């Protein structure tokens, strides 16, 4: 007599257990990846605002007149900024407020 071929309840439960373990390992990386990018964006804004203060100290005056002036200043410092001006991880440009002399925070 040939045993009938099919899937047993034990095999189904084992498959569900394996899928659950894979999901438990993969889901947190998707959830926290957005938080990491937001944190990176905030750090970049703080770094750029610090550079505005550095610009003012080096130039003996106020903040740069435009974002382009700040970008030239940052790009000239290859030691501290080997990759040039920090970019938003979401691809959005940073907004510079010349009147306030700071980079404005933005939402994602």
PDB file of N, CA and C in Angstrom:
ATOM      1  N   UNK A   1       0.823  -1.189   0.000  1.00  0.00           N
ATOM      2  CA  UNK A   1       0.000   0.000   0.000  1.00  0.00           C
ATOM      3  C   UNK A   1       0.873   1.261   0.000  1.00  0.00           C
ATOM      4  N   UNK A   2       0.569   2.118  -0.893  1.00  0.00           N
ATOM      5  CA  UNK A   2       1.274   3.393  -0.972  1.00  0.00           C
ATOM      6  C   UNK A   2       0.602   4.395  -0.046  1.00  0.00           C
ATOM      7  N   UNK A   3       1.418   5.114   0.692  1.00  0.00           N
ATOM      8  CA  UNK A   3       0.864   6.169   1.543  1.00  0.00           C
ATOM      9  C   UNK A   3       0.451   7.342   0.644  1.00  0.00           C
ATOM     10  N   UNK A   4      -0.615   7.970   1.020  1.00  0.00           N
ATOM     11  CA  UNK A   4      -1.076   9.120   0.237  1.00  0.00           C
ATOM     12  C   UNK A   4      -0.076  10.259   0.386  1.00  0.00           C
ATOM     13  N   UNK A   5       0.144  10.943  -0.711  1.00  0.00           N
ATOM     14  CA  UNK A   5       1.075  12.057  -0.688  1.00  0.00           C
ATOM     15  C   UNK A   5       0.309  13.322  -0.333  1.00  0.00           C
ATOM     16  N   UNK A   6       0.918  14.117   0.507  1.00  0.00           N
ATOM     17  CA  UNK A   6       0.296  15.366   0.913  1.00  0.00           C
ATOM     18  C   UNK A   6       1.169  16.045   1.959  1.00  0.00           C
ATOM     19  N   UNK A   7       0.687  17.157   2.433  1.00  0.00           N
ATOM     20  CA  UNK A   7       1.420  17.926   3.427  1.00  0.00           C
ATOM     21  C   UNK A   7       0.782  17.652   4.782  1.00  0.00           C
ATOM     22  N   UNK A   8       1.611  17.365   5.756  1.00  0.00           N
ATOM     23  CA  UNK A   8       1.086  17.096   7.093  1.00  0.00           C
ATOM     24  C   UNK A   8       0.956  18.407   7.854  1.00  0.00           C
ATOM     25  N   UNK A   9       0.201  18.356   8.926  1.00  0.00           N
ATOM     26  CA  UNK A   9       0.014  19.531   9.773  1.00  0.00           C
ATOM     27  C   UNK A   9       1.346  19.971  10.360  1.00  0.00           C
ATOM     28  N   UNK A  10       2.196  19.054  10.712  1.00  0.00           N
ATOM     29  CA  UNK A  10       3.509  19.380  11.261  1.00  0.00           C
ATOM     30  C   UNK A  10       4.350  20.154  10.245  1.00  0.00           C
ATOM     31  N   UNK A  11       4.314  19.780   8.999  1.00  0.00           N
ATOM     32  CA  UNK A  11       5.067  20.485   7.962  1.00  0.00           C
ATOM     33  C   UNK A  11       4.539  21.906   7.760  1.00  0.00           C
ATOM     34  N   UNK A  12       3.241  22.061   7.824  1.00  0.00           N
ATOM     35  CA  UNK A  12       2.635  23.398   7.687  1.00  0.00           C
ATOM     36  C   UNK A  12       3.051  24.275   8.856  1.00  0.00           C
ATOM     37  N   UNK A  13       3.008  23.728  10.068  1.00  0.00           N
ATOM     38  CA  UNK A  13       3.396  24.512  11.246  1.00  0.00           C
ATOM     39  C   UNK A  13       4.879  24.880  11.202  1.00  0.00           C
ATOM     40  N   UNK A  14       5.704  23.978  10.752  1.00  0.00           N
ATOM     41  CA  UNK A  14       7.131  24.252  10.627  1.00  0.00           C
ATOM     42  C   UNK A  14       7.384  25.360   9.596  1.00  0.00           C
ATOM     43  N   UNK A  15       6.679  25.329   8.495  1.00  0.00           N
ATOM     44  CA  UNK A  15       6.799  26.371   7.472  1.00  0.00           C
ATOM     45  C   UNK A  15       6.370  27.730   8.030  1.00  0.00           C
ATOM     46  N   UNK A  16       5.274  27.771   8.780  1.00  0.00           N
ATOM     47  CA  UNK A  16       4.810  29.025   9.377  1.00  0.00           C
ATOM     48  C   UNK A  16       5.817  29.554  10.399  1.00  0.00           C
ATOM     49  N   UNK A  17       6.428  28.658  11.144  1.00  0.00           N
ATOM     50  CA  UNK A  17       7.441  29.067  12.108  1.00  0.00           C
ATOM     51  C   UNK A  17       8.633  29.694  11.393  1.00  0.00           C
ATOM     52  N   UNK A  18       9.095  29.089  10.327  1.00  0.00           N
ATOM     53  CA  UNK A  18      10.236  29.625   9.570  1.00  0.00           C
ATOM     54  C   UNK A  18       9.883  30.973   8.954  1.00  0.00           C
ATOM     55  N   UNK A  19       8.702  31.090   8.370  1.00  0.00           N
ATOM     56  CA  UNK A  19       8.288  32.380   7.785  1.00  0.00           C
ATOM     57  C   UNK A  19       8.178  33.457   8.855  1.00  0.00           C
ATOM     58  N   UNK A  20       7.686  33.075  10.028  1.00  0.00           N
ATOM     59  CA  UNK A  20       7.587  34.033  11.138  1.00  0.00           C
ATOM     60  C   UNK A  20       8.948  34.525  11.581  1.00  0.00           C
ATOM     61  N   UNK A  21       9.923  33.639  11.652  1.00  0.00           N
ATOM     62  CA  UNK A  21      11.274  34.035  12.039  1.00  0.00           C
ATOM     63  C   UNK A  21      11.906  34.959  11.000  1.00  0.00           C
ATOM     64  N   UNK A  22      11.702  34.665   9.743  1.00  0.00           N
ATOM     65  CA  UNK A  22      12.234  35.521   8.679  1.00  0.00           C
ATOM     66  C   UNK A  22      11.584  36.905   8.740  1.00  0.00           C
ATOM     67  N   UNK A  23      10.273  36.944   8.935  1.00  0.00           N
ATOM     68  CA  UNK A  23       9.568  38.227   9.030  1.00  0.00           C
ATOM     69  C   UNK A  23      10.035  39.008  10.254  1.00  0.00           C
ATOM     70  N   UNK A  24      10.223  38.333  11.369  1.00  0.00           N
ATOM     71  CA  UNK A  24      10.675  39.006  12.589  1.00  0.00           C
ATOM     72  C   UNK A  24      12.064  39.611  12.405  1.00  0.00           C
ATOM     73  N   UNK A  25      12.879  39.003  11.591  1.00  0.00           N
ATOM     74  CA  UNK A  25      14.217  39.539  11.342  1.00  0.00           C
ATOM     75  C   UNK A  25      14.193  40.668  10.321  1.00  0.00           C
ATOM     76  N   UNK A  26      13.290  40.611   9.354  1.00  0.00           N
ATOM     77  CA  UNK A  26      13.296  41.580   8.256  1.00  0.00           C
ATOM     78  C   UNK A  26      12.495  42.840   8.545  1.00  0.00           C
ATOM     79  N   UNK A  27      11.395  42.739   9.245  1.00  0.00           N
ATOM     80  CA  UNK A  27      10.500  43.885   9.438  1.00  0.00           C
ATOM     81  C   UNK A  27      11.164  45.047  10.173  1.00  0.00           C
ATOM     82  N   UNK A  28      11.913  44.831  11.262  1.00  0.00           N
ATOM     83  CA  UNK A  28      12.525  45.991  11.929  1.00  0.00           C
ATOM     84  C   UNK A  28      13.439  46.811  11.030  1.00  0.00           C
ATOM     85  N   UNK A  29      14.131  46.180  10.109  1.00  0.00           N
ATOM     86  CA  UNK A  29      15.005  46.958   9.233  1.00  0.00           C
ATOM     87  C   UNK A  29      14.203  47.887   8.327  1.00  0.00           C
ATOM     88  N   UNK A  30      13.006  47.490   7.921  1.00  0.00           N
ATOM     89  CA  UNK A  30      12.159  48.364   7.113  1.00  0.00           C
ATOM     90  C   UNK A  30      11.573  49.482   7.961  1.00  0.00           C
ATOM     91  N   UNK A  31      11.189  49.182   9.185  1.00  0.00           N
ATOM     92  CA  UNK A  31      10.567  50.172  10.060  1.00  0.00           C
ATOM     93  C   UNK A  31      11.569  51.235  10.468  1.00  0.00           C
ATOM     94  N   UNK A  32      12.775  50.837  10.862  1.00  0.00           N
ATOM     95  CA  UNK A  32      13.747  51.787  11.383  1.00  0.00           C
ATOM     96  C   UNK A  32      14.554  52.488  10.305  1.00  0.00           C
ATOM     97  N   UNK A  33      14.484  52.059   9.071  1.00  0.00           N
ATOM     98  CA  UNK A  33      15.260  52.726   8.022  1.00  0.00           C
ATOM     99  C   UNK A  33      14.790  54.164   7.821  1.00  0.00           C
ATOM    100  N   UNK A  34      13.490  54.413   7.972  1.00  0.00           N
ATOM    101  CA  UNK A  34      12.976  55.783   7.857  1.00  0.00           C
ATOM    102  C   UNK A  34      13.464  56.664   8.980  1.00  0.00           C
ATOM    103  N   UNK A  35      13.529  56.124  10.198  1.00  0.00           N
ATOM    104  CA  UNK A  35      14.014  56.894  11.336  1.00  0.00           C
ATOM    105  C   UNK A  35      15.487  57.243  11.163  1.00  0.00           C
ATOM    106  N   UNK A  36      16.242  56.345  10.580  1.00  0.00           N
ATOM    107  CA  UNK A  36      17.659  56.590  10.355  1.00  0.00           C
ATOM    108  C   UNK A  36      17.850  57.740   9.378  1.00  0.00           C
ATOM    109  N   UNK A  37      17.059  57.764   8.331  1.00  0.00           N
ATOM    110  CA  UNK A  37      17.182  58.849   7.348  1.00  0.00           C
ATOM    111  C   UNK A  37      16.783  60.191   7.956  1.00  0.00           C
ATOM    112  N   UNK A  38      15.746  60.205   8.790  1.00  0.00           N
ATOM    113  CA  UNK A  38      15.337  61.447   9.444  1.00  0.00           C
ATOM    114  C   UNK A  38      16.459  61.937  10.353  1.00  0.00           C
ATOM    115  N   UNK A  39      17.070  61.024  11.087  1.00  0.00           N
ATOM    116  CA  UNK A  39      18.180  61.384  11.964  1.00  0.00           C
ATOM    117  C   UNK A  39      19.371  61.915  11.168  1.00  0.00           C
ATOM    118  N   UNK A  40      19.658  61.285  10.045  1.00  0.00           N
ATOM    119  CA  UNK A  40      20.756  61.753   9.194  1.00  0.00           C
ATOM    120  C   UNK A  40      20.466  63.147   8.659  1.00  0.00           C
ATOM    121  N   UNK A  41      19.225  63.394   8.271  1.00  0.00           N
ATOM    122  CA  UNK A  41      18.847  64.713   7.756  1.00  0.00           C
ATOM    123  C   UNK A  41      19.022  65.781   8.838  1.00  0.00           C
ATOM    124  N   UNK A  42      18.572  65.484  10.053  1.00  0.00           N
ATOM    125  CA  UNK A  42      18.728  66.442  11.161  1.00  0.00           C
ATOM    126  C   UNK A  42      20.197  66.709  11.456  1.00  0.00           C
ATOM    127  N   UNK A  43      21.010  65.667  11.404  1.00  0.00           N
ATOM    128  CA  UNK A  43      22.451  65.836  11.642  1.00  0.00           C
ATOM    129  C   UNK A  43      23.078  66.710  10.562  1.00  0.00           C
ATOM    130  N   UNK A  44      22.674  66.502   9.319  1.00  0.00           N
ATOM    131  CA  UNK A  44      23.193  67.325   8.225  1.00  0.00           C
ATOM    132  C   UNK A  44      22.824  68.785   8.417  1.00  0.00           C
ATOM    133  N   UNK A  45      21.586  69.048   8.845  1.00  0.00           N
ATOM    134  CA  UNK A  45      21.153  70.436   9.061  1.00  0.00           C
ATOM    135  C   UNK A  45      21.976  71.072  10.172  1.00  0.00           C
ATOM    136  N   UNK A  46      22.206  70.326  11.263  1.00  0.00           N
ATOM    137  CA  UNK A  46      23.016  70.853  12.363  1.00  0.00           C
ATOM    138  C   UNK A  46      24.451  71.124  11.893  1.00  0.00           C
ATOM    139  N   UNK A  47      24.997  70.233  11.079  1.00  0.00           N
ATOM    140  CA  UNK A  47      26.348  70.401  10.547  1.00  0.00           C
ATOM    141  C   UNK A  47      26.426  71.626   9.643  1.00  0.00           C
ATOM    142  N   UNK A  48      25.443  71.796   8.781  1.00  0.00           N
ATOM    143  CA  UNK A  48      25.433  72.954   7.883  1.00  0.00           C
ATOM    144  C   UNK A  48      25.292  74.254   8.679  1.00  0.00           C
ATOM    145  N   UNK A  49      24.458  74.254   9.715  1.00  0.00           N
ATOM    146  CA  UNK A  49      24.309  75.453  10.542  1.00  0.00           C
ATOM    147  C   UNK A  49      25.610  75.767  11.281  1.00  0.00           C
ATOM    148  N   UNK A  50      26.329  74.735  11.706  1.00  0.00           N
ATOM    149  CA  UNK A  50      27.630  74.963  12.340  1.00  0.00           C
ATOM    150  C   UNK A  50      28.612  75.561  11.332  1.00  0.00           C
ATOM    151  N   UNK A  51      28.546  75.102  10.096  1.00  0.00           N
ATOM    152  CA  UNK A  51      29.420  75.646   9.052  1.00  0.00           C
ATOM    153  C   UNK A  51      29.108  77.100   8.759  1.00  0.00           C
ATOM    154  N   UNK A  52      27.853  77.482   8.904  1.00  0.00           N
ATOM    155  CA  UNK A  52      27.496  78.896   8.704  1.00  0.00           C
ATOM    156  C   UNK A  52      28.208  79.751   9.748  1.00  0.00           C
ATOM    157  N   UNK A  53      28.248  79.273  10.988  1.00  0.00           N
ATOM    158  CA  UNK A  53      28.994  79.980  12.039  1.00  0.00           C
ATOM    159  C   UNK A  53      30.477  80.014  11.736  1.00  0.00           C
ATOM    160  N   UNK A  54      31.003  78.921  11.216  1.00  0.00           N
ATOM    161  CA  UNK A  54      32.417  78.854  10.838  1.00  0.00           C
ATOM    162  C   UNK A  54      32.704  79.834   9.693  1.00  0.00           C
ATOM    163  N   UNK A  55      31.798  79.916   8.752  1.00  0.00           N
ATOM    164  CA  UNK A  55      31.925  80.855   7.623  1.00  0.00           C
ATOM    165  C   UNK A  55      31.997  82.284   8.151  1.00  0.00           C
ATOM    166  N   UNK A  56      31.082  82.613   9.080  1.00  0.00           N
ATOM    167  CA  UNK A  56      31.047  83.968   9.630  1.00  0.00           C
ATOM    168  C   UNK A  56      32.351  84.292  10.362  1.00  0.00           C
ATOM    169  N   UNK A  57      32.873  83.314  11.091  1.00  0.00           N
ATOM    170  CA  UNK A  57      34.129  83.541  11.822  1.00  0.00           C
ATOM    171  C   UNK A  57      35.303  83.708  10.861  1.00  0.00           C
ATOM    172  N   UNK A  58      35.343  82.930   9.804  1.00  0.00           N
ATOM    173  CA  UNK A  58      36.446  83.004   8.835  1.00  0.00           C
ATOM    174  C   UNK A  58      36.392  84.283   8.001  1.00  0.00           C
ATOM    175  N   UNK A  59      35.183  84.699   7.666  1.00  0.00           N
ATOM    176  CA  UNK A  59      35.052  85.872   6.798  1.00  0.00           C
ATOM    177  C   UNK A  59      35.072  87.173   7.586  1.00  0.00           C
ATOM    178  N   UNK A  60      34.969  87.085   8.906  1.00  0.00           N
ATOM    179  CA  UNK A  60      34.970  88.289   9.726  1.00  0.00           C
ATOM    180  C   UNK A  60      33.693  89.081   9.615  1.00  0.00           C
ATOM    181  N   UNK A  61      32.672  88.453   9.101  1.00  0.00           N
ATOM    182  CA  UNK A  61      31.401  89.153   8.948  1.00  0.00           C
ATOM    183  C   UNK A  61      30.241  88.268   9.327  1.00  0.00           C
ATOM    184  N   UNK A  62      29.196  88.422   8.583  1.00  0.00           N
ATOM    185  CA  UNK A  62      27.988  87.670   8.866  1.00  0.00           C
ATOM    186  C   UNK A  62      27.932  86.362   8.093  1.00  0.00           C
ATOM    187  N   UNK A  63      26.762  85.790   8.080  1.00  0.00           N
ATOM    188  CA  UNK A  63      26.568  84.517   7.364  1.00  0.00           C
ATOM    189  C   UNK A  63      26.661  84.727   5.851  1.00  0.00           C
ATOM    190  N   UNK A  64      26.787  83.643   5.108  1.00  0.00           N
ATOM    191  CA  UNK A  64      26.854  83.782   3.648  1.00  0.00           C
ATOM    192  C   UNK A  64      25.563  84.373   3.093  1.00  0.00           C
ATOM    193  N   UNK A  65      25.684  85.065   1.981  1.00  0.00           N
ATOM    194  CA  UNK A  65      24.519  85.711   1.379  1.00  0.00           C
ATOM    195  C   UNK A  65      23.579  84.699   0.734  1.00  0.00           C
ATOM    196  N   UNK A  66      24.147  83.626   0.193  1.00  0.00           N
ATOM    197  CA  UNK A  66      23.318  82.625  -0.489  1.00  0.00           C
ATOM    198  C   UNK A  66      23.810  81.224  -0.127  1.00  0.00           C
ATOM    199  N   UNK A  67      22.996  80.247  -0.468  1.00  0.00           N
ATOM    200  CA  UNK A  67      23.385  78.856  -0.270  1.00  0.00           C
ATOM    201  C   UNK A  67      24.575  78.515  -1.157  1.00  0.00           C
ATOM    202  N   UNK A  68      24.671  79.140  -2.317  1.00  0.00           N
ATOM    203  CA  UNK A  68      25.797  78.897  -3.221  1.00  0.00           C
ATOM    204  C   UNK A  68      27.108  79.346  -2.582  1.00  0.00           C
ATOM    205  N   UNK A  69      27.093  80.472  -1.860  1.00  0.00           N
ATOM    206  CA  UNK A  69      28.298  80.934  -1.165  1.00  0.00           C
ATOM    207  C   UNK A  69      28.716  79.935  -0.093  1.00  0.00           C
ATOM    208  N   UNK A  70      27.739  79.421   0.645  1.00  0.00           N
ATOM    209  CA  UNK A  70      28.034  78.415   1.663  1.00  0.00           C
ATOM    210  C   UNK A  70      28.581  77.143   1.018  1.00  0.00           C
ATOM    211  N   UNK A  71      27.995  76.751  -0.100  1.00  0.00           N
ATOM    212  CA  UNK A  71      28.452  75.548  -0.804  1.00  0.00           C
ATOM    213  C   UNK A  71      29.900  75.705  -1.258  1.00  0.00           C
ATOM    214  N   UNK A  72      30.280  76.876  -1.775  1.00  0.00           N
ATOM    215  CA  UNK A  72      31.669  77.114  -2.194  1.00  0.00           C
ATOM    216  C   UNK A  72      32.612  77.001  -1.004  1.00  0.00           C
ATOM    217  N   UNK A  73      32.186  77.542   0.129  1.00  0.00           N
ATOM    218  CA  UNK A  73      33.000  77.489   1.340  1.00  0.00           C
ATOM    219  C   UNK A  73      33.203  76.042   1.794  1.00  0.00           C
ATOM    220  N   UNK A  74      32.135  75.263   1.765  1.00  0.00           N
ATOM    221  CA  UNK A  74      32.213  73.861   2.190  1.00  0.00           C
ATOM    222  C   UNK A  74      33.050  73.044   1.213  1.00  0.00           C
ATOM    223  N   UNK A  75      32.839  73.246  -0.075  1.00  0.00           N
ATOM    224  CA  UNK A  75      33.566  72.465  -1.086  1.00  0.00           C
ATOM    225  C   UNK A  75      35.061  72.778  -1.093  1.00  0.00           C
ATOM    226  N   UNK A  76      35.437  73.934  -0.605  1.00  0.00           N
ATOM    227  CA  UNK A  76      36.858  74.291  -0.540  1.00  0.00           C
ATOM    228  C   UNK A  76      37.568  73.522   0.577  1.00  0.00           C
ATOM    229  N   UNK A  77      36.821  73.026   1.544  1.00  0.00           N
ATOM    230  CA  UNK A  77      37.404  72.295   2.675  1.00  0.00           C
ATOM    231  C   UNK A  77      37.303  70.794   2.420  1.00  0.00           C
ATOM    232  N   UNK A  78      38.217  70.289   1.582  1.00  0.00           N
ATOM    233  CA  UNK A  78      38.191  68.864   1.194  1.00  0.00           C
ATOM    234  C   UNK A  78      38.540  67.943   2.353  1.00  0.00           C
ATOM    235  N   UNK A  79      39.256  68.466   3.342  1.00  0.00           N
ATOM    236  CA  UNK A  79      39.626  67.622   4.475  1.00  0.00           C
ATOM    237  C   UNK A  79      38.413  67.275   5.340  1.00  0.00           C
ATOM    238  N   UNK A  80      37.599  68.262   5.635  1.00  0.00           N
ATOM    239  CA  UNK A  80      36.408  68.026   6.473  1.00  0.00           C
ATOM    240  C   UNK A  80      35.217  67.536   5.670  1.00  0.00           C
ATOM    241  N   UNK A  81      35.143  67.931   4.417  1.00  0.00           N
ATOM    242  CA  UNK A  81      34.011  67.554   3.575  1.00  0.00           C
ATOM    243  C   UNK A  81      34.507  66.928   2.270  1.00  0.00           C
ATOM    244  N   UNK A  82      35.023  65.706   2.331  1.00  0.00           N
ATOM    245  CA  UNK A  82      35.559  65.087   1.114  1.00  0.00           C
ATOM    246  C   UNK A  82      34.488  64.809   0.057  1.00  0.00           C
ATOM    247  N   UNK A  83      33.230  64.708   0.476  1.00  0.00           N
ATOM    248  CA  UNK A  83      32.141  64.437  -0.471  1.00  0.00           C
ATOM    249  C   UNK A  83      31.356  65.691  -0.829  1.00  0.00           C
ATOM    250  N   UNK A  84      31.857  66.830  -0.469  1.00  0.00           N
ATOM    251  CA  UNK A  84      31.165  68.080  -0.776  1.00  0.00           C
ATOM    252  C   UNK A  84      30.067  68.399   0.230  1.00  0.00           C
ATOM    253  N   UNK A  85      29.118  69.163  -0.203  1.00  0.00           N
ATOM    254  CA  UNK A  85      28.019  69.616   0.654  1.00  0.00           C
ATOM    255  C   UNK A  85      27.145  68.420   1.044  1.00  0.00           C
ATOM    256  N   UNK A  86      26.866  68.263   2.348  1.00  0.00           N
ATOM    257  CA  UNK A  86      25.975  67.171   2.760  1.00  0.00           C
ATOM    258  C   UNK A  86      24.611  67.304   2.095  1.00  0.00           C
ATOM    259  N   UNK A  87      24.049  66.170   1.709  1.00  0.00           N
ATOM    260  CA  UNK A  87      22.752  66.155   1.018  1.00  0.00           C
ATOM    261  C   UNK A  87      21.708  65.465   1.883  1.00  0.00           C
ATOM    262  N   UNK A  88      20.486  65.894   1.711  1.00  0.00           N
ATOM    263  CA  UNK A  88      19.366  65.273   2.412  1.00  0.00           C
ATOM    264  C   UNK A  88      19.219  63.833   1.911  1.00  0.00           C
ATOM    265  N   UNK A  89      19.091  62.859   2.820  1.00  0.00           N
ATOM    266  CA  UNK A  89      18.955  61.471   2.374  1.00  0.00           C
ATOM    267  C   UNK A  89      17.667  61.203   1.599  1.00  0.00           C
ATOM    268  N   UNK A  90      16.729  62.123   1.665  1.00  0.00           N
ATOM    269  CA  UNK A  90      15.480  61.985   0.916  1.00  0.00           C
ATOM    270  C   UNK A  90      15.562  62.633  -0.465  1.00  0.00           C
ATOM    271  N   UNK A  91      16.691  63.285  -0.762  1.00  0.00           N
ATOM    272  CA  UNK A  91      16.864  63.897  -2.069  1.00  0.00           C
ATOM    273  C   UNK A  91      16.345  65.317  -2.175  1.00  0.00           C
ATOM    274  N   UNK A  92      15.811  65.856  -1.087  1.00  0.00           N
ATOM    275  CA  UNK A  92      15.313  67.232  -1.118  1.00  0.00           C
ATOM    276  C   UNK A  92      16.450  68.208  -0.857  1.00  0.00           C
ATOM    277  N   UNK A  93      16.422  69.364  -1.491  1.00  0.00           N
ATOM    278  CA  UNK A  93      17.463  70.357  -1.195  1.00  0.00           C
ATOM    279  C   UNK A  93      17.194  71.009   0.162  1.00  0.00           C
ATOM    280  N   UNK A  94      18.258  71.433   0.807  1.00  0.00           N
ATOM    281  CA  UNK A  94      18.102  72.172   2.064  1.00  0.00           C
ATOM    282  C   UNK A  94      17.797  73.628   1.745  1.00  0.00           C
ATOM    283  N   UNK A  95      16.900  74.222   2.510  1.00  0.00           N
ATOM    284  CA  UNK A  95      16.508  75.617   2.303  1.00  0.00           C
ATOM    285  C   UNK A  95      17.333  76.512   3.226  1.00  0.00           C
ATOM    286  N   UNK A  96      17.941  77.511   2.636  1.00  0.00           N
ATOM    287  CA  UNK A  96      18.767  78.452   3.389  1.00  0.00           C
ATOM    288  C   UNK A  96      18.009  79.745   3.577  1.00  0.00           C
ATOM    289  N   UNK A  97      18.007  80.245   4.816  1.00  0.00           N
ATOM    290  CA  UNK A  97      17.376  81.518   5.145  1.00  0.00           C
ATOM    291  C   UNK A  97      18.484  82.551   5.353  1.00  0.00           C
ATOM    292  N   UNK A  98      18.779  83.383   4.338  1.00  0.00           N
ATOM    293  CA  UNK A  98      19.877  84.336   4.486  1.00  0.00           C
ATOM    294  C   UNK A  98      19.606  85.395   5.558  1.00  0.00           C
ATOM    295  N   UNK A  99      18.348  85.732   5.783  1.00  0.00           N
ATOM    296  CA  UNK A  99      18.026  86.733   6.796  1.00  0.00           C
ATOM    297  C   UNK A  99      18.340  86.192   8.195  1.00  0.00           C
ATOM    298  N   UNK A 100      18.015  84.946   8.427  1.00  0.00           N
ATOM    299  CA  UNK A 100      18.288  84.329   9.728  1.00  0.00           C
ATOM    300  C   UNK A 100      19.654  83.695   9.789  1.00  0.00           C
ATOM    301  N   UNK A 101      20.269  83.501   8.644  1.00  0.00           N
ATOM    302  CA  UNK A 101      21.592  82.894   8.589  1.00  0.00           C
ATOM    303  C   UNK A 101      21.605  81.442   9.041  1.00  0.00           C
ATOM    304  N   UNK A 102      20.591  80.686   8.581  1.00  0.00           N
ATOM    305  CA  UNK A 102      20.536  79.277   8.994  1.00  0.00           C
ATOM    306  C   UNK A 102      19.835  78.423   7.936  1.00  0.00           C
ATOM    307  N   UNK A 103      20.090  77.118   8.041  1.00  0.00           N
ATOM    308  CA  UNK A 103      19.400  76.143   7.207  1.00  0.00           C
ATOM    309  C   UNK A 103      18.096  75.820   7.908  1.00  0.00           C
ATOM    310  N   UNK A 104      17.015  75.843   7.174  1.00  0.00           N
ATOM    311  CA  UNK A 104      15.693  75.580   7.749  1.00  0.00           C
ATOM    312  C   UNK A 104      15.413  74.079   7.787  1.00  0.00           C
ATOM    313  N   UNK A 105      14.859  73.645   8.886  1.00  0.00           N
ATOM    314  CA  UNK A 105      14.462  72.242   8.999  1.00  0.00           C
ATOM    315  C   UNK A 105      13.277  71.992   8.079  1.00  0.00           C
ATOM    316  N   UNK A 106      13.198  70.784   7.535  1.00  0.00           N
ATOM    317  CA  UNK A 106      12.041  70.436   6.712  1.00  0.00           C
ATOM    318  C   UNK A 106      11.516  69.076   7.134  1.00  0.00           C
ATOM    319  N   UNK A 107      10.281  68.813   6.741  1.00  0.00           N
ATOM    320  CA  UNK A 107       9.621  67.553   7.128  1.00  0.00           C
ATOM    321  C   UNK A 107       9.723  66.536   6.012  1.00  0.00           C
ATOM    322  N   UNK A 108       9.661  65.299   6.425  1.00  0.00           N
ATOM    323  CA  UNK A 108       9.682  64.208   5.465  1.00  0.00           C
ATOM    324  C   UNK A 108       8.437  63.387   5.643  1.00  0.00           C
TER     325      UNK A 108
END
